[in-house]
Amino acid sequence: MADLIVKSAVKEALNDHNVSADFYEALDDEVTEVLEDAARRSEANDRKTVQPRDL
């Protein structure tokens, strides 16, 4: 999957903290997993539309 996060937005959200370079990849992996889980839930409910309740 492509990079899903925006580094500048992460830096802004964590403005009082330093962010290590490998944090972004780990965060992207976590987001990818959340999206894949949500897609599976929508498919399990016979939907192609992913909805907030799938999170």
PDB file of N, CA and C in Angstrom:
ATOM      1  N   MET A   1       0.831  -1.187   0.000  1.00  0.00           N
ATOM      2  CA  MET A   1       0.000   0.000   0.000  1.00  0.00           C
ATOM      3  C   MET A   1       0.875   1.250   0.000  1.00  0.00           C
ATOM      4  N   ALA A   2       0.304   2.329  -0.430  1.00  0.00           N
ATOM      5  CA  ALA A   2       1.023   3.599  -0.475  1.00  0.00           C
ATOM      6  C   ALA A   2       1.150   4.185   0.926  1.00  0.00           C
ATOM      7  N   ASP A   3       1.997   5.192   1.039  1.00  0.00           N
ATOM      8  CA  ASP A   3       2.088   5.917   2.306  1.00  0.00           C
ATOM      9  C   ASP A   3       0.750   6.576   2.571  1.00  0.00           C
ATOM     10  N   LEU A   4       0.195   6.336   3.736  1.00  0.00           N
ATOM     11  CA  LEU A   4      -1.140   6.831   4.064  1.00  0.00           C
ATOM     12  C   LEU A   4      -1.122   8.055   4.969  1.00  0.00           C
ATOM     13  N   ILE A   5       0.005   8.309   5.582  1.00  0.00           N
ATOM     14  CA  ILE A   5       0.059   9.424   6.516  1.00  0.00           C
ATOM     15  C   ILE A   5       0.817  10.596   5.898  1.00  0.00           C
ATOM     16  N   VAL A   6       0.555  11.763   6.431  1.00  0.00           N
ATOM     17  CA  VAL A   6       1.240  12.979   5.998  1.00  0.00           C
ATOM     18  C   VAL A   6       2.195  13.368   7.121  1.00  0.00           C
ATOM     19  N   LYS A   7       3.473  13.290   6.852  1.00  0.00           N
ATOM     20  CA  LYS A   7       4.475  13.534   7.892  1.00  0.00           C
ATOM     21  C   LYS A   7       4.322  14.903   8.532  1.00  0.00           C
ATOM     22  N   SER A   8       4.043  15.917   7.724  1.00  0.00           N
ATOM     23  CA  SER A   8       3.920  17.262   8.289  1.00  0.00           C
ATOM     24  C   SER A   8       2.729  17.352   9.237  1.00  0.00           C
ATOM     25  N   ALA A   9       1.649  16.630   8.946  1.00  0.00           N
ATOM     26  CA  ALA A   9       0.483  16.636   9.831  1.00  0.00           C
ATOM     27  C   ALA A   9       0.800  15.919  11.141  1.00  0.00           C
ATOM     28  N   VAL A  10       1.565  14.840  11.059  1.00  0.00           N
ATOM     29  CA  VAL A  10       1.965  14.120  12.268  1.00  0.00           C
ATOM     30  C   VAL A  10       2.851  15.004  13.124  1.00  0.00           C
ATOM     31  N   LYS A  11       3.820  15.661  12.495  1.00  0.00           N
ATOM     32  CA  LYS A  11       4.707  16.565  13.236  1.00  0.00           C
ATOM     33  C   LYS A  11       3.915  17.674  13.906  1.00  0.00           C
ATOM     34  N   GLU A  12       2.937  18.212  13.206  1.00  0.00           N
ATOM     35  CA  GLU A  12       2.109  19.281  13.762  1.00  0.00           C
ATOM     36  C   GLU A  12       1.277  18.769  14.938  1.00  0.00           C
ATOM     37  N   ALA A  13       0.718  17.579  14.814  1.00  0.00           N
ATOM     38  CA  ALA A  13      -0.095  17.010  15.884  1.00  0.00           C
ATOM     39  C   ALA A  13       0.742  16.704  17.122  1.00  0.00           C
ATOM     40  N   LEU A  14       1.998  16.378  16.910  1.00  0.00           N
ATOM     41  CA  LEU A  14       2.907  16.056  18.017  1.00  0.00           C
ATOM     42  C   LEU A  14       3.910  17.189  18.221  1.00  0.00           C
ATOM     43  N   ASN A  15       3.445  18.413  18.110  1.00  0.00           N
ATOM     44  CA  ASN A  15       4.338  19.575  18.066  1.00  0.00           C
ATOM     45  C   ASN A  15       5.238  19.730  19.275  1.00  0.00           C
ATOM     46  N   ASP A  16       4.893  19.171  20.409  1.00  0.00           N
ATOM     47  CA  ASP A  16       5.742  19.275  21.599  1.00  0.00           C
ATOM     48  C   ASP A  16       6.700  18.098  21.743  1.00  0.00           C
ATOM     49  N   HIS A  17       6.752  17.237  20.721  1.00  0.00           N
ATOM     50  CA  HIS A  17       7.582  16.030  20.796  1.00  0.00           C
ATOM     51  C   HIS A  17       8.435  15.887  19.543  1.00  0.00           C
ATOM     52  N   ASN A  18       9.548  15.232  19.729  1.00  0.00           N
ATOM     53  CA  ASN A  18      10.361  14.843  18.578  1.00  0.00           C
ATOM     54  C   ASN A  18       9.790  13.543  18.015  1.00  0.00           C
ATOM     55  N   VAL A  19       9.926  13.366  16.713  1.00  0.00           N
ATOM     56  CA  VAL A  19       9.407  12.168  16.063  1.00  0.00           C
ATOM     57  C   VAL A  19      10.565  11.469  15.357  1.00  0.00           C
ATOM     58  N   SER A  20      10.795  10.216  15.700  1.00  0.00           N
ATOM     59  CA  SER A  20      11.882   9.484  15.060  1.00  0.00           C
ATOM     60  C   SER A  20      11.481   9.134  13.632  1.00  0.00           C
ATOM     61  N   ALA A  21      12.470   8.956  12.802  1.00  0.00           N
ATOM     62  CA  ALA A  21      12.226   8.681  11.387  1.00  0.00           C
ATOM     63  C   ALA A  21      11.448   7.378  11.182  1.00  0.00           C
ATOM     64  N   ASP A  22      11.715   6.363  11.992  1.00  0.00           N
ATOM     65  CA  ASP A  22      11.038   5.084  11.807  1.00  0.00           C
ATOM     66  C   ASP A  22       9.615   5.073  12.374  1.00  0.00           C
ATOM     67  N   PHE A  23       9.237   6.104  13.104  1.00  0.00           N
ATOM     68  CA  PHE A  23       7.877   6.203  13.628  1.00  0.00           C
ATOM     69  C   PHE A  23       6.851   6.260  12.503  1.00  0.00           C
ATOM     70  N   TYR A  24       7.172   6.995  11.447  1.00  0.00           N
ATOM     71  CA  TYR A  24       6.230   7.174  10.347  1.00  0.00           C
ATOM     72  C   TYR A  24       5.884   5.850   9.668  1.00  0.00           C
ATOM     73  N   GLU A  25       6.879   5.019   9.459  1.00  0.00           N
ATOM     74  CA  GLU A  25       6.631   3.715   8.837  1.00  0.00           C
ATOM     75  C   GLU A  25       5.765   2.843   9.739  1.00  0.00           C
ATOM     76  N   ALA A  26       6.056   2.864  11.041  1.00  0.00           N
ATOM     77  CA  ALA A  26       5.266   2.075  11.985  1.00  0.00           C
ATOM     78  C   ALA A  26       3.823   2.582  12.035  1.00  0.00           C
ATOM     79  N   LEU A  27       3.645   3.890  12.021  1.00  0.00           N
ATOM     80  CA  LEU A  27       2.306   4.468  12.027  1.00  0.00           C
ATOM     81  C   LEU A  27       1.565   4.112  10.743  1.00  0.00           C
ATOM     82  N   ASP A  28       2.247   4.181   9.630  1.00  0.00           N
ATOM     83  CA  ASP A  28       1.644   3.820   8.351  1.00  0.00           C
ATOM     84  C   ASP A  28       1.198   2.358   8.357  1.00  0.00           C
ATOM     85  N   ASP A  29       2.014   1.489   8.948  1.00  0.00           N
ATOM     86  CA  ASP A  29       1.652   0.069   9.061  1.00  0.00           C
ATOM     87  C   ASP A  29       0.394  -0.108   9.904  1.00  0.00           C
ATOM     88  N   GLU A  30       0.296   0.631  11.004  1.00  0.00           N
ATOM     89  CA  GLU A  30      -0.881   0.551  11.877  1.00  0.00           C
ATOM     90  C   GLU A  30      -2.130   1.025  11.146  1.00  0.00           C
ATOM     91  N   VAL A  31      -2.020   2.128  10.419  1.00  0.00           N
ATOM     92  CA  VAL A  31      -3.157   2.661   9.670  1.00  0.00           C
ATOM     93  C   VAL A  31      -3.585   1.664   8.601  1.00  0.00           C
ATOM     94  N   THR A  32      -2.621   1.070   7.928  1.00  0.00           N
ATOM     95  CA  THR A  32      -2.931   0.064   6.910  1.00  0.00           C
ATOM     96  C   THR A  32      -3.714  -1.093   7.516  1.00  0.00           C
ATOM     97  N   GLU A  33      -3.302  -1.547   8.685  1.00  0.00           N
ATOM     98  CA  GLU A  33      -3.986  -2.651   9.359  1.00  0.00           C
ATOM     99  C   GLU A  33      -5.423  -2.260   9.735  1.00  0.00           C
ATOM    100  N   VAL A  34      -5.610  -1.053  10.233  1.00  0.00           N
ATOM    101  CA  VAL A  34      -6.954  -0.586  10.591  1.00  0.00           C
ATOM    102  C   VAL A  34      -7.848  -0.557   9.356  1.00  0.00           C
ATOM    103  N   LEU A  35      -7.320  -0.062   8.242  1.00  0.00           N
ATOM    104  CA  LEU A  35      -8.104   0.008   7.010  1.00  0.00           C
ATOM    105  C   LEU A  35      -8.457  -1.379   6.480  1.00  0.00           C
ATOM    106  N   GLU A  36      -7.506  -2.292   6.529  1.00  0.00           N
ATOM    107  CA  GLU A  36      -7.775  -3.652   6.071  1.00  0.00           C
ATOM    108  C   GLU A  36      -8.838  -4.323   6.929  1.00  0.00           C
ATOM    109  N   ASP A  37      -8.772  -4.106   8.249  1.00  0.00           N
ATOM    110  CA  ASP A  37      -9.783  -4.665   9.149  1.00  0.00           C
ATOM    111  C   ASP A  37     -11.157  -4.081   8.855  1.00  0.00           C
ATOM    112  N   ALA A  38     -11.216  -2.789   8.621  1.00  0.00           N
ATOM    113  CA  ALA A  38     -12.495  -2.136   8.314  1.00  0.00           C
ATOM    114  C   ALA A  38     -13.069  -2.667   7.001  1.00  0.00           C
ATOM    115  N   ALA A  39     -12.226  -2.873   6.017  1.00  0.00           N
ATOM    116  CA  ALA A  39     -12.683  -3.407   4.741  1.00  0.00           C
ATOM    117  C   ALA A  39     -13.236  -4.818   4.919  1.00  0.00           C
ATOM    118  N   ARG A  40     -12.571  -5.631   5.722  1.00  0.00           N
ATOM    119  CA  ARG A  40     -13.063  -6.990   5.984  1.00  0.00           C
ATOM    120  C   ARG A  40     -14.425  -6.961   6.675  1.00  0.00           C
ATOM    121  N   ARG A  41     -14.601  -6.041   7.620  1.00  0.00           N
ATOM    122  CA  ARG A  41     -15.885  -5.951   8.316  1.00  0.00           C
ATOM    123  C   ARG A  41     -17.004  -5.546   7.366  1.00  0.00           C
ATOM    124  N   SER A  42     -16.708  -4.588   6.485  1.00  0.00           N
ATOM    125  CA  SER A  42     -17.755  -4.164   5.543  1.00  0.00           C
ATOM    126  C   SER A  42     -18.117  -5.311   4.602  1.00  0.00           C
ATOM    127  N   GLU A  43     -17.124  -6.053   4.143  1.00  0.00           N
ATOM    128  CA  GLU A  43     -17.388  -7.200   3.273  1.00  0.00           C
ATOM    129  C   GLU A  43     -18.171  -8.285   4.013  1.00  0.00           C
ATOM    130  N   ALA A  44     -17.865  -8.482   5.281  1.00  0.00           N
ATOM    131  CA  ALA A  44     -18.575  -9.484   6.077  1.00  0.00           C
ATOM    132  C   ALA A  44     -20.044  -9.115   6.242  1.00  0.00           C
ATOM    133  N   ASN A  45     -20.343  -7.837   6.116  1.00  0.00           N
ATOM    134  CA  ASN A  45     -21.726  -7.364   6.216  1.00  0.00           C
ATOM    135  C   ASN A  45     -22.324  -7.079   4.846  1.00  0.00           C
ATOM    136  N   ASP A  46     -21.736  -7.696   3.823  1.00  0.00           N
ATOM    137  CA  ASP A  46     -22.218  -7.574   2.440  1.00  0.00           C
ATOM    138  C   ASP A  46     -22.309  -6.126   1.964  1.00  0.00           C
ATOM    139  N   ARG A  47     -21.318  -5.322   2.341  1.00  0.00           N
ATOM    140  CA  ARG A  47     -21.257  -3.937   1.881  1.00  0.00           C
ATOM    141  C   ARG A  47     -19.930  -3.694   1.201  1.00  0.00           C
ATOM    142  N   LYS A  48     -19.931  -2.824   0.207  1.00  0.00           N
ATOM    143  CA  LYS A  48     -18.694  -2.371  -0.415  1.00  0.00           C
ATOM    144  C   LYS A  48     -18.285  -1.019   0.146  1.00  0.00           C
ATOM    145  N   THR A  49     -19.194  -0.384   0.873  1.00  0.00           N
ATOM    146  CA  THR A  49     -18.917   0.914   1.461  1.00  0.00           C
ATOM    147  C   THR A  49     -18.410   0.722   2.882  1.00  0.00           C
ATOM    148  N   VAL A  50     -17.225   1.228   3.162  1.00  0.00           N
ATOM    149  CA  VAL A  50     -16.666   1.169   4.505  1.00  0.00           C
ATOM    150  C   VAL A  50     -17.253   2.339   5.284  1.00  0.00           C
ATOM    151  N   GLN A  51     -17.784   2.028   6.456  1.00  0.00           N
ATOM    152  CA  GLN A  51     -18.446   3.031   7.281  1.00  0.00           C
ATOM    153  C   GLN A  51     -17.758   3.152   8.623  1.00  0.00           C
ATOM    154  N   PRO A  52     -18.010   4.244   9.347  1.00  0.00           N
ATOM    155  CA  PRO A  52     -17.366   4.425  10.659  1.00  0.00           C
ATOM    156  C   PRO A  52     -17.546   3.234  11.595  1.00  0.00           C
ATOM    157  N   ARG A  53     -18.686   2.580  11.503  1.00  0.00           N
ATOM    158  CA  ARG A  53     -18.931   1.439  12.391  1.00  0.00           C
ATOM    159  C   ARG A  53     -18.000   0.271  12.100  1.00  0.00           C
ATOM    160  N   ASP A  54     -17.334   0.281  10.959  1.00  0.00           N
ATOM    161  CA  ASP A  54     -16.377  -0.781  10.632  1.00  0.00           C
ATOM    162  C   ASP A  54     -15.043  -0.595  11.340  1.00  0.00           C
ATOM    163  N   LEU A  55     -14.842   0.554  11.914  1.00  0.00           N
ATOM    164  CA  LEU A  55     -13.612   0.775  12.665  1.00  0.00           C
ATOM    165  C   LEU A  55     -13.692   0.093  14.017  1.00  0.00           C
TER     166      LEU A  55
END
